[in-house]
PDB file of all heavy atoms in Angstrom:
ATOM      1  N   GLU A   1     290.842 -23.962 -12.818  1.00  0.00           N
ATOM      2  CA  GLU A   1     290.144 -24.695 -11.697  1.00  0.00           C
ATOM      3  C   GLU A   1     289.725 -23.700 -10.667  1.00  0.00           C
ATOM      4  O   GLU A   1     288.674 -23.845 -10.085  1.00  0.00           O
ATOM      5  CB  GLU A   1     291.146 -25.629 -11.126  1.00  0.00           C
ATOM      6  CG  GLU A   1     291.335 -26.846 -12.030  1.00  0.00           C
ATOM      7  CD  GLU A   1     292.514 -27.792 -11.615  1.00  0.00           C
ATOM      8  OE1 GLU A   1     293.078 -27.500 -10.523  1.00  0.00           O
ATOM      9  OE2 GLU A   1     292.893 -28.608 -12.399  1.00  0.00           O
ATOM     10  N   ARG A   2     290.513 -22.606 -10.400  1.00  0.00           N
ATOM     11  CA  ARG A   2     290.038 -21.539  -9.423  1.00  0.00           C
ATOM     12  C   ARG A   2     288.887 -20.869  -9.837  1.00  0.00           C
ATOM     13  O   ARG A   2     287.990 -20.584  -9.069  1.00  0.00           O
ATOM     14  CB  ARG A   2     291.236 -20.485  -9.125  1.00  0.00           C
ATOM     15  CG  ARG A   2     292.354 -21.081  -8.429  1.00  0.00           C
ATOM     16  CD  ARG A   2     293.278 -19.992  -7.939  1.00  0.00           C
ATOM     17  NE  ARG A   2     293.907 -19.102  -8.959  1.00  0.00           N
ATOM     18  CZ  ARG A   2     295.083 -19.398  -9.626  1.00  0.00           C
ATOM     19  NH1 ARG A   2     295.836 -20.436  -9.347  1.00  0.00           N
ATOM     20  NH2 ARG A   2     295.531 -18.606 -10.556  1.00  0.00           N
ATOM     21  N   ILE A   3     288.755 -20.619 -11.191  1.00  0.00           N
ATOM     22  CA  ILE A   3     287.567 -19.938 -11.775  1.00  0.00           C
ATOM     23  C   ILE A   3     286.328 -20.884 -11.610  1.00  0.00           C
ATOM     24  O   ILE A   3     285.361 -20.424 -11.132  1.00  0.00           O
ATOM     25  CB  ILE A   3     287.737 -19.552 -13.130  1.00  0.00           C
ATOM     26  CG1 ILE A   3     288.753 -18.343 -13.255  1.00  0.00           C
ATOM     27  CG2 ILE A   3     286.518 -19.139 -13.764  1.00  0.00           C
ATOM     28  CD1 ILE A   3     289.131 -17.885 -14.644  1.00  0.00           C
ATOM     29  N   ASP A   4     286.527 -22.156 -11.818  1.00  0.00           N
ATOM     30  CA  ASP A   4     285.451 -23.126 -11.700  1.00  0.00           C
ATOM     31  C   ASP A   4     284.996 -23.147 -10.266  1.00  0.00           C
ATOM     32  O   ASP A   4     283.709 -23.309  -9.991  1.00  0.00           O
ATOM     33  CB  ASP A   4     285.871 -24.589 -12.186  1.00  0.00           C
ATOM     34  CG  ASP A   4     286.067 -24.663 -13.594  1.00  0.00           C
ATOM     35  OD1 ASP A   4     285.619 -23.693 -14.436  1.00  0.00           O
ATOM     36  OD2 ASP A   4     286.726 -25.512 -14.146  1.00  0.00           O
ATOM     37  N   ARG A   5     285.892 -23.195  -9.276  1.00  0.00           N
ATOM     38  CA  ARG A   5     285.426 -23.290  -7.913  1.00  0.00           C
ATOM     39  C   ARG A   5     284.734 -21.974  -7.501  1.00  0.00           C
ATOM     40  O   ARG A   5     283.816 -21.907  -6.774  1.00  0.00           O
ATOM     41  CB  ARG A   5     286.785 -23.372  -6.895  1.00  0.00           C
ATOM     42  CG  ARG A   5     287.182 -24.804  -6.956  1.00  0.00           C
ATOM     43  CD  ARG A   5     288.223 -25.032  -5.868  1.00  0.00           C
ATOM     44  NE  ARG A   5     289.367 -24.114  -5.829  1.00  0.00           N
ATOM     45  CZ  ARG A   5     290.508 -24.310  -6.528  1.00  0.00           C
ATOM     46  NH1 ARG A   5     290.631 -25.441  -7.356  1.00  0.00           N
ATOM     47  NH2 ARG A   5     291.518 -23.447  -6.569  1.00  0.00           N
ATOM     48  N   ALA A   6     285.202 -20.777  -7.993  1.00  0.00           N
ATOM     49  CA  ALA A   6     284.593 -19.522  -7.758  1.00  0.00           C
ATOM     50  C   ALA A   6     283.128 -19.393  -8.311  1.00  0.00           C
ATOM     51  O   ALA A   6     282.256 -18.841  -7.718  1.00  0.00           O
ATOM     52  CB  ALA A   6     285.380 -18.394  -8.286  1.00  0.00           C
ATOM     53  N   LEU A   7     282.956 -20.161  -9.401  1.00  0.00           N
ATOM     54  CA  LEU A   7     281.584 -20.096 -10.009  1.00  0.00           C
ATOM     55  C   LEU A   7     280.636 -21.200  -9.581  1.00  0.00           C
ATOM     56  O   LEU A   7     279.420 -21.176  -9.819  1.00  0.00           O
ATOM     57  CB  LEU A   7     281.685 -20.251 -11.505  1.00  0.00           C
ATOM     58  CG  LEU A   7     282.466 -19.081 -12.175  1.00  0.00           C
ATOM     59  CD1 LEU A   7     282.672 -19.432 -13.730  1.00  0.00           C
ATOM     60  CD2 LEU A   7     281.661 -17.865 -12.031  1.00  0.00           C
ATOM     61  N   ASP A   8     281.233 -22.095  -8.702  1.00  0.00           N
ATOM     62  CA  ASP A   8     280.370 -23.206  -8.189  1.00  0.00           C
ATOM     63  C   ASP A   8     279.427 -22.602  -7.133  1.00  0.00           C
ATOM     64  O   ASP A   8     279.836 -22.135  -6.102  1.00  0.00           O
ATOM     65  CB  ASP A   8     281.331 -24.279  -7.532  1.00  0.00           C
ATOM     66  CG  ASP A   8     280.525 -25.474  -6.938  1.00  0.00           C
ATOM     67  OD1 ASP A   8     279.288 -25.373  -6.967  1.00  0.00           O
ATOM     68  OD2 ASP A   8     281.187 -26.370  -6.463  1.00  0.00           O
ATOM     69  N   PRO A   9     278.045 -22.804  -7.335  1.00  0.00           N
ATOM     70  CA  PRO A   9     277.052 -22.158  -6.418  1.00  0.00           C
ATOM     71  C   PRO A   9     277.118 -22.898  -5.066  1.00  0.00           C
ATOM     72  O   PRO A   9     276.742 -22.310  -4.076  1.00  0.00           O
ATOM     73  CB  PRO A   9     275.689 -22.465  -7.142  1.00  0.00           C
ATOM     74  CG  PRO A   9     276.058 -23.372  -8.040  1.00  0.00           C
ATOM     75  CD  PRO A   9     277.443 -23.388  -8.509  1.00  0.00           C
ATOM     76  N   ASP A  10     277.616 -24.087  -4.959  1.00  0.00           N
ATOM     77  CA  ASP A  10     277.788 -24.866  -3.685  1.00  0.00           C
ATOM     78  C   ASP A  10     279.001 -24.376  -2.943  1.00  0.00           C
ATOM     79  O   ASP A  10     279.140 -24.923  -1.670  1.00  0.00           O
ATOM     80  CB  ASP A  10     277.693 -26.312  -3.964  1.00  0.00           C
ATOM     81  CG  ASP A  10     276.503 -26.845  -4.623  1.00  0.00           C
ATOM     82  OD1 ASP A  10     275.427 -26.139  -4.400  1.00  0.00           O
ATOM     83  OD2 ASP A  10     276.551 -27.717  -5.521  1.00  0.00           O
ATOM     84  N   ALA A  11     279.796 -23.636  -3.461  1.00  0.00           N
ATOM     85  CA  ALA A  11     281.107 -23.356  -2.837  1.00  0.00           C
ATOM     86  C   ALA A  11     280.860 -22.176  -1.651  1.00  0.00           C
ATOM     87  O   ALA A  11     281.734 -22.062  -0.846  1.00  0.00           O
ATOM     88  CB  ALA A  11     282.212 -22.732  -3.809  1.00  0.00           C
ATOM     89  N   GLY A  12     279.789 -21.498  -1.760  1.00  0.00           N
ATOM     90  CA  GLY A  12     279.414 -20.544  -0.721  1.00  0.00           C
ATOM     91  C   GLY A  12     280.214 -19.285  -0.839  1.00  0.00           C
ATOM     92  O   GLY A  12     280.555 -18.715   0.262  1.00  0.00           O
ATOM     93  N   SER A  13     280.505 -18.811  -1.994  1.00  0.00           N
ATOM     94  CA  SER A  13     281.246 -17.454  -2.089  1.00  0.00           C
ATOM     95  C   SER A  13     280.482 -16.402  -1.425  1.00  0.00           C
ATOM     96  O   SER A  13     279.221 -16.411  -1.486  1.00  0.00           O
ATOM     97  CB  SER A  13     281.381 -17.136  -3.588  1.00  0.00           C
ATOM     98  OG  SER A  13     282.065 -15.890  -3.751  1.00  0.00           O
ATOM     99  N   GLU A  14     281.114 -15.518  -0.802  1.00  0.00           N
ATOM    100  CA  GLU A  14     280.533 -14.426   0.001  1.00  0.00           C
ATOM    101  C   GLU A  14     280.294 -13.176  -0.885  1.00  0.00           C
ATOM    102  O   GLU A  14     280.085 -12.131  -0.237  1.00  0.00           O
ATOM    103  CB  GLU A  14     281.405 -14.129   1.315  1.00  0.00           C
ATOM    104  CG  GLU A  14     281.227 -15.406   2.343  1.00  0.00           C
ATOM    105  CD  GLU A  14     281.888 -15.144   3.555  1.00  0.00           C
ATOM    106  OE1 GLU A  14     282.129 -13.919   3.902  1.00  0.00           O
ATOM    107  OE2 GLU A  14     282.250 -16.059   4.288  1.00  0.00           O
ATOM    108  N   GLY A  15     280.771 -13.081  -1.975  1.00  0.00           N
ATOM    109  CA  GLY A  15     280.674 -11.939  -2.817  1.00  0.00           C
ATOM    110  C   GLY A  15     281.501 -11.997  -4.093  1.00  0.00           C
ATOM    111  O   GLY A  15     281.838 -13.111  -4.505  1.00  0.00           O
ATOM    112  N   PRO A  16     281.561 -10.939  -4.731  1.00  0.00           N
ATOM    113  CA  PRO A  16     282.356 -11.052  -6.136  1.00  0.00           C
ATOM    114  C   PRO A  16     283.779 -11.542  -5.822  1.00  0.00           C
ATOM    115  O   PRO A  16     284.429 -11.193  -4.857  1.00  0.00           O
ATOM    116  CB  PRO A  16     282.353  -9.477  -6.560  1.00  0.00           C
ATOM    117  CG  PRO A  16     281.336  -8.862  -5.721  1.00  0.00           C
ATOM    118  CD  PRO A  16     281.174  -9.654  -4.501  1.00  0.00           C
ATOM    119  N   VAL A  17     284.209 -12.188  -6.848  1.00  0.00           N
ATOM    120  CA  VAL A  17     285.708 -12.772  -6.749  1.00  0.00           C
ATOM    121  C   VAL A  17     286.187 -12.417  -8.182  1.00  0.00           C
ATOM    122  O   VAL A  17     285.785 -12.529  -9.217  1.00  0.00           O
ATOM    123  CB  VAL A  17     285.511 -14.337  -6.789  1.00  0.00           C
ATOM    124  CG1 VAL A  17     287.026 -14.856  -6.771  1.00  0.00           C
ATOM    125  CG2 VAL A  17     284.880 -14.776  -5.536  1.00  0.00           C
ATOM    126  N   VAL A  18     287.373 -11.817  -8.053  1.00  0.00           N
ATOM    127  CA  VAL A  18     288.195 -11.192  -9.171  1.00  0.00           C
ATOM    128  C   VAL A  18     289.333 -12.161  -9.293  1.00  0.00           C
ATOM    129  O   VAL A  18     290.198 -12.247  -8.388  1.00  0.00           O
ATOM    130  CB  VAL A  18     288.618  -9.797  -9.019  1.00  0.00           C
ATOM    131  CG1 VAL A  18     289.389  -9.341 -10.263  1.00  0.00           C
ATOM    132  CG2 VAL A  18     287.438  -8.897  -8.728  1.00  0.00           C
ATOM    133  N   LEU A  19     289.475 -12.787 -10.491  1.00  0.00           N
ATOM    134  CA  LEU A  19     290.567 -13.730 -10.793  1.00  0.00           C
ATOM    135  C   LEU A  19     291.028 -13.330 -12.206  1.00  0.00           C
ATOM    136  O   LEU A  19     290.404 -12.909 -13.031  1.00  0.00           O
ATOM    137  CB  LEU A  19     289.992 -15.285 -10.774  1.00  0.00           C
ATOM    138  CG  LEU A  19     289.548 -15.680  -9.519  1.00  0.00           C
ATOM    139  CD1 LEU A  19     288.888 -17.120  -9.616  1.00  0.00           C
ATOM    140  CD2 LEU A  19     290.808 -15.823  -8.422  1.00  0.00           C
ATOM    141  N   PRO A  20     292.391 -13.605 -12.417  1.00  0.00           N
ATOM    142  CA  PRO A  20     292.985 -13.319 -13.705  1.00  0.00           C
ATOM    143  C   PRO A  20     292.480 -14.273 -14.723  1.00  0.00           C
ATOM    144  O   PRO A  20     292.049 -15.449 -14.372  1.00  0.00           O
ATOM    145  CB  PRO A  20     294.479 -13.524 -13.488  1.00  0.00           C
ATOM    146  CG  PRO A  20     294.542 -14.390 -12.250  1.00  0.00           C
ATOM    147  CD  PRO A  20     293.426 -14.105 -11.417  1.00  0.00           C
ATOM    148  N   SER A  21     292.600 -13.992 -15.964  1.00  0.00           N
ATOM    149  CA  SER A  21     292.171 -14.955 -17.039  1.00  0.00           C
ATOM    150  C   SER A  21     293.088 -16.114 -17.070  1.00  0.00           C
ATOM    151  O   SER A  21     294.309 -15.912 -16.773  1.00  0.00           O
ATOM    152  CB  SER A  21     292.355 -14.275 -18.338  1.00  0.00           C
ATOM    153  OG  SER A  21     292.115 -15.160 -19.377  1.00  0.00           O
ATOM    154  N   PRO A  22     292.548 -17.326 -17.315  1.00  0.00           N
ATOM    155  CA  PRO A  22     293.393 -18.511 -17.347  1.00  0.00           C
ATOM    156  C   PRO A  22     294.064 -18.634 -18.736  1.00  0.00           C
ATOM    157  O   PRO A  22     294.747 -19.599 -18.959  1.00  0.00           O
ATOM    158  CB  PRO A  22     292.482 -19.583 -17.060  1.00  0.00           C
ATOM    159  CG  PRO A  22     291.130 -19.166 -17.718  1.00  0.00           C
ATOM    160  CD  PRO A  22     291.144 -17.624 -17.338  1.00  0.00           C
ATOM    161  N   TYR A  23     293.913 -17.655 -19.625  1.00  0.00           N
ATOM    162  CA  TYR A  23     294.296 -17.747 -21.052  1.00  0.00           C
ATOM    163  C   TYR A  23     295.411 -16.856 -21.330  1.00  0.00           C
ATOM    164  O   TYR A  23     295.361 -15.650 -20.956  1.00  0.00           O
ATOM    165  CB  TYR A  23     293.158 -17.543 -22.015  1.00  0.00           C
ATOM    166  CG  TYR A  23     291.942 -18.463 -21.779  1.00  0.00           C
ATOM    167  CD1 TYR A  23     290.739 -17.943 -21.308  1.00  0.00           C
ATOM    168  CD2 TYR A  23     292.033 -19.754 -21.833  1.00  0.00           C
ATOM    169  CE1 TYR A  23     289.671 -18.717 -21.037  1.00  0.00           C
ATOM    170  CE2 TYR A  23     290.995 -20.627 -21.600  1.00  0.00           C
ATOM    171  CZ  TYR A  23     289.782 -20.118 -21.145  1.00  0.00           C
ATOM    172  OH  TYR A  23     288.700 -20.794 -20.849  1.00  0.00           O
ATOM    173  N   ARG A  24     296.371 -17.314 -22.070  1.00  0.00           N
ATOM    174  CA  ARG A  24     297.529 -16.502 -22.610  1.00  0.00           C
ATOM    175  C   ARG A  24     297.388 -16.567 -24.163  1.00  0.00           C
ATOM    176  O   ARG A  24     297.530 -17.630 -24.736  1.00  0.00           O
ATOM    177  CB  ARG A  24     298.825 -16.940 -22.083  1.00  0.00           C
ATOM    178  CG  ARG A  24     300.035 -16.093 -22.470  1.00  0.00           C
ATOM    179  CD  ARG A  24     301.292 -16.525 -21.818  1.00  0.00           C
ATOM    180  NE  ARG A  24     301.529 -17.883 -21.731  1.00  0.00           N
ATOM    181  CZ  ARG A  24     302.220 -18.642 -22.725  1.00  0.00           C
ATOM    182  NH1 ARG A  24     302.592 -18.019 -23.726  1.00  0.00           N
ATOM    183  NH2 ARG A  24     302.442 -19.886 -22.542  1.00  0.00           N
ATOM    184  N   TRP A  25     297.116 -15.344 -24.688  1.00  0.00           N
ATOM    185  CA  TRP A  25     296.969 -15.276 -26.134  1.00  0.00           C
ATOM    186  C   TRP A  25     298.274 -14.783 -26.767  1.00  0.00           C
ATOM    187  O   TRP A  25     298.759 -13.664 -26.408  1.00  0.00           O
ATOM    188  CB  TRP A  25     295.806 -14.193 -26.515  1.00  0.00           C
ATOM    189  CG  TRP A  25     294.453 -14.695 -26.092  1.00  0.00           C
ATOM    190  CD1 TRP A  25     294.079 -14.739 -24.789  1.00  0.00           C
ATOM    191  CD2 TRP A  25     293.400 -15.008 -26.834  1.00  0.00           C
ATOM    192  NE1 TRP A  25     292.789 -15.079 -24.750  1.00  0.00           N
ATOM    193  CE2 TRP A  25     292.247 -15.334 -26.065  1.00  0.00           C
ATOM    194  CE3 TRP A  25     293.199 -15.145 -28.294  1.00  0.00           C
ATOM    195  CZ2 TRP A  25     290.968 -15.631 -26.493  1.00  0.00           C
ATOM    196  CZ3 TRP A  25     291.925 -15.506 -28.670  1.00  0.00           C
ATOM    197  CH2 TRP A  25     290.914 -15.759 -27.921  1.00  0.00           C
ATOM    198  N   GLU A  26     298.837 -15.582 -27.741  1.00  0.00           N
ATOM    199  CA  GLU A  26     300.023 -15.088 -28.556  1.00  0.00           C
ATOM    200  C   GLU A  26     299.580 -14.992 -29.986  1.00  0.00           C
ATOM    201  O   GLU A  26     299.216 -15.921 -30.615  1.00  0.00           O
ATOM    202  CB  GLU A  26     301.122 -16.133 -28.363  1.00  0.00           C
ATOM    203  CG  GLU A  26     301.604 -16.392 -27.062  1.00  0.00           C
ATOM    204  CD  GLU A  26     302.616 -17.537 -27.012  1.00  0.00           C
ATOM    205  OE1 GLU A  26     303.264 -17.878 -28.064  1.00  0.00           O
ATOM    206  OE2 GLU A  26     302.736 -18.144 -25.943  1.00  0.00           O
ATOM    207  N   ALA A  27     299.788 -13.825 -30.543  1.00  0.00           N
ATOM    208  CA  ALA A  27     299.490 -13.556 -31.936  1.00  0.00           C
ATOM    209  C   ALA A  27     300.293 -14.335 -32.878  1.00  0.00           C
ATOM    210  O   ALA A  27     301.593 -14.347 -32.468  1.00  0.00           O
ATOM    211  CB  ALA A  27     299.330 -12.027 -32.227  1.00  0.00           C
ATOM    212  N   VAL A  28     299.912 -14.895 -33.901  1.00  0.00           N
ATOM    213  CA  VAL A  28     300.767 -15.555 -34.898  1.00  0.00           C
ATOM    214  C   VAL A  28     301.191 -14.540 -35.914  1.00  0.00           C
ATOM    215  O   VAL A  28     300.160 -14.007 -36.600  1.00  0.00           O
ATOM    216  CB  VAL A  28     300.006 -16.829 -35.484  1.00  0.00           C
ATOM    217  CG1 VAL A  28     300.861 -17.442 -36.465  1.00  0.00           C
ATOM    218  CG2 VAL A  28     299.550 -17.737 -34.433  1.00  0.00           C
ATOM    219  N   PRO A  29     302.357 -14.183 -35.894  1.00  0.00           N
ATOM    220  CA  PRO A  29     302.836 -13.059 -36.902  1.00  0.00           C
ATOM    221  C   PRO A  29     302.413 -13.312 -38.337  1.00  0.00           C
ATOM    222  O   PRO A  29     302.510 -14.446 -38.839  1.00  0.00           O
ATOM    223  CB  PRO A  29     304.352 -13.055 -36.709  1.00  0.00           C
ATOM    224  CG  PRO A  29     304.616 -13.703 -35.388  1.00  0.00           C
ATOM    225  CD  PRO A  29     303.548 -14.765 -35.213  1.00  0.00           C
ATOM    226  N   GLY A  30     301.762 -12.422 -38.957  1.00  0.00           N
ATOM    227  CA  GLY A  30     301.425 -12.413 -40.316  1.00  0.00           C
ATOM    228  C   GLY A  30     300.105 -13.277 -40.617  1.00  0.00           C
ATOM    229  O   GLY A  30     299.757 -13.448 -41.742  1.00  0.00           O
ATOM    230  N   ALA A  31     299.575 -13.897 -39.493  1.00  0.00           N
ATOM    231  CA  ALA A  31     298.392 -14.774 -39.737  1.00  0.00           C
ATOM    232  C   ALA A  31     297.101 -14.151 -39.478  1.00  0.00           C
ATOM    233  O   ALA A  31     296.635 -14.122 -38.317  1.00  0.00           O
ATOM    234  CB  ALA A  31     298.619 -16.103 -38.780  1.00  0.00           C
ATOM    235  N   TYR A  32     296.655 -13.389 -40.407  1.00  0.00           N
ATOM    236  CA  TYR A  32     295.361 -12.651 -40.237  1.00  0.00           C
ATOM    237  C   TYR A  32     294.687 -12.553 -41.543  1.00  0.00           C
ATOM    238  O   TYR A  32     295.268 -12.776 -42.590  1.00  0.00           O
ATOM    239  CB  TYR A  32     295.659 -11.259 -39.715  1.00  0.00           C
ATOM    240  CG  TYR A  32     296.383 -10.336 -40.636  1.00  0.00           C
ATOM    241  CD1 TYR A  32     295.734  -9.429 -41.523  1.00  0.00           C
ATOM    242  CD2 TYR A  32     297.673 -10.232 -40.607  1.00  0.00           C
ATOM    243  CE1 TYR A  32     296.349  -8.667 -42.291  1.00  0.00           C
ATOM    244  CE2 TYR A  32     298.435  -9.371 -41.490  1.00  0.00           C
ATOM    245  CZ  TYR A  32     297.751  -8.603 -42.338  1.00  0.00           C
ATOM    246  OH  TYR A  32     298.322  -7.809 -43.091  1.00  0.00           O
ATOM    247  N   THR A  33     293.399 -12.387 -41.571  1.00  0.00           N
ATOM    248  CA  THR A  33     292.580 -12.285 -42.651  1.00  0.00           C
ATOM    249  C   THR A  33     291.848 -10.877 -42.714  1.00  0.00           C
ATOM    250  O   THR A  33     291.603 -10.400 -41.538  1.00  0.00           O
ATOM    251  CB  THR A  33     291.617 -13.378 -42.977  1.00  0.00           C
ATOM    252  OG1 THR A  33     290.641 -13.351 -41.845  1.00  0.00           O
ATOM    253  CG2 THR A  33     292.272 -14.675 -43.104  1.00  0.00           C
ATOM    254  N   LEU A  34     291.458 -10.369 -43.828  1.00  0.00           N
ATOM    255  CA  LEU A  34     290.671  -9.132 -43.847  1.00  0.00           C
ATOM    256  C   LEU A  34     289.297  -9.395 -44.544  1.00  0.00           C
ATOM    257  O   LEU A  34     289.381 -10.149 -45.601  1.00  0.00           O
ATOM    258  CB  LEU A  34     291.376  -8.098 -44.801  1.00  0.00           C
ATOM    259  CG  LEU A  34     292.849  -7.718 -44.281  1.00  0.00           C
ATOM    260  CD1 LEU A  34     293.409  -6.760 -45.285  1.00  0.00           C
ATOM    261  CD2 LEU A  34     292.813  -6.955 -42.995  1.00  0.00           C
ATOM    262  N   GLU A  35     288.285  -8.990 -43.889  1.00  0.00           N
ATOM    263  CA  GLU A  35     286.860  -9.322 -44.358  1.00  0.00           C
ATOM    264  C   GLU A  35     286.263  -7.960 -44.681  1.00  0.00           C
ATOM    265  O   GLU A  35     286.096  -7.096 -43.744  1.00  0.00           O
ATOM    266  CB  GLU A  35     286.142 -10.020 -43.292  1.00  0.00           C
ATOM    267  CG  GLU A  35     284.714 -10.353 -43.703  1.00  0.00           C
ATOM    268  CD  GLU A  35     284.014 -10.993 -42.539  1.00  0.00           C
ATOM    269  OE1 GLU A  35     284.665 -11.643 -41.598  1.00  0.00           O
ATOM    270  OE2 GLU A  35     282.748 -10.841 -42.463  1.00  0.00           O
ATOM    271  N   ALA A  36     285.910  -7.747 -45.856  1.00  0.00           N
ATOM    272  CA  ALA A  36     285.187  -6.551 -46.281  1.00  0.00           C
ATOM    273  C   ALA A  36     283.898  -6.374 -45.451  1.00  0.00           C
ATOM    274  O   ALA A  36     283.129  -7.354 -45.301  1.00  0.00           O
ATOM    275  CB  ALA A  36     284.961  -6.461 -47.723  1.00  0.00           C
ATOM    276  N   ALA A  37     283.539  -5.175 -45.061  1.00  0.00           N
ATOM    277  CA  ALA A  37     282.359  -4.958 -44.278  1.00  0.00           C
ATOM    278  C   ALA A  37     281.785  -3.589 -44.773  1.00  0.00           C
ATOM    279  O   ALA A  37     282.508  -2.613 -45.200  1.00  0.00           O
ATOM    280  CB  ALA A  37     282.616  -4.911 -42.875  1.00  0.00           C
TER     281      ALA A  37
END
């Protein structure tokens, strides 16, 4: 929600806003695939 408010053009931000990511990523052990390239 803080990010949404910061990106709202009507909110009148006075410059760049730095906020932490709202996401927390947890790797699932052993759950990966390999794709030849």
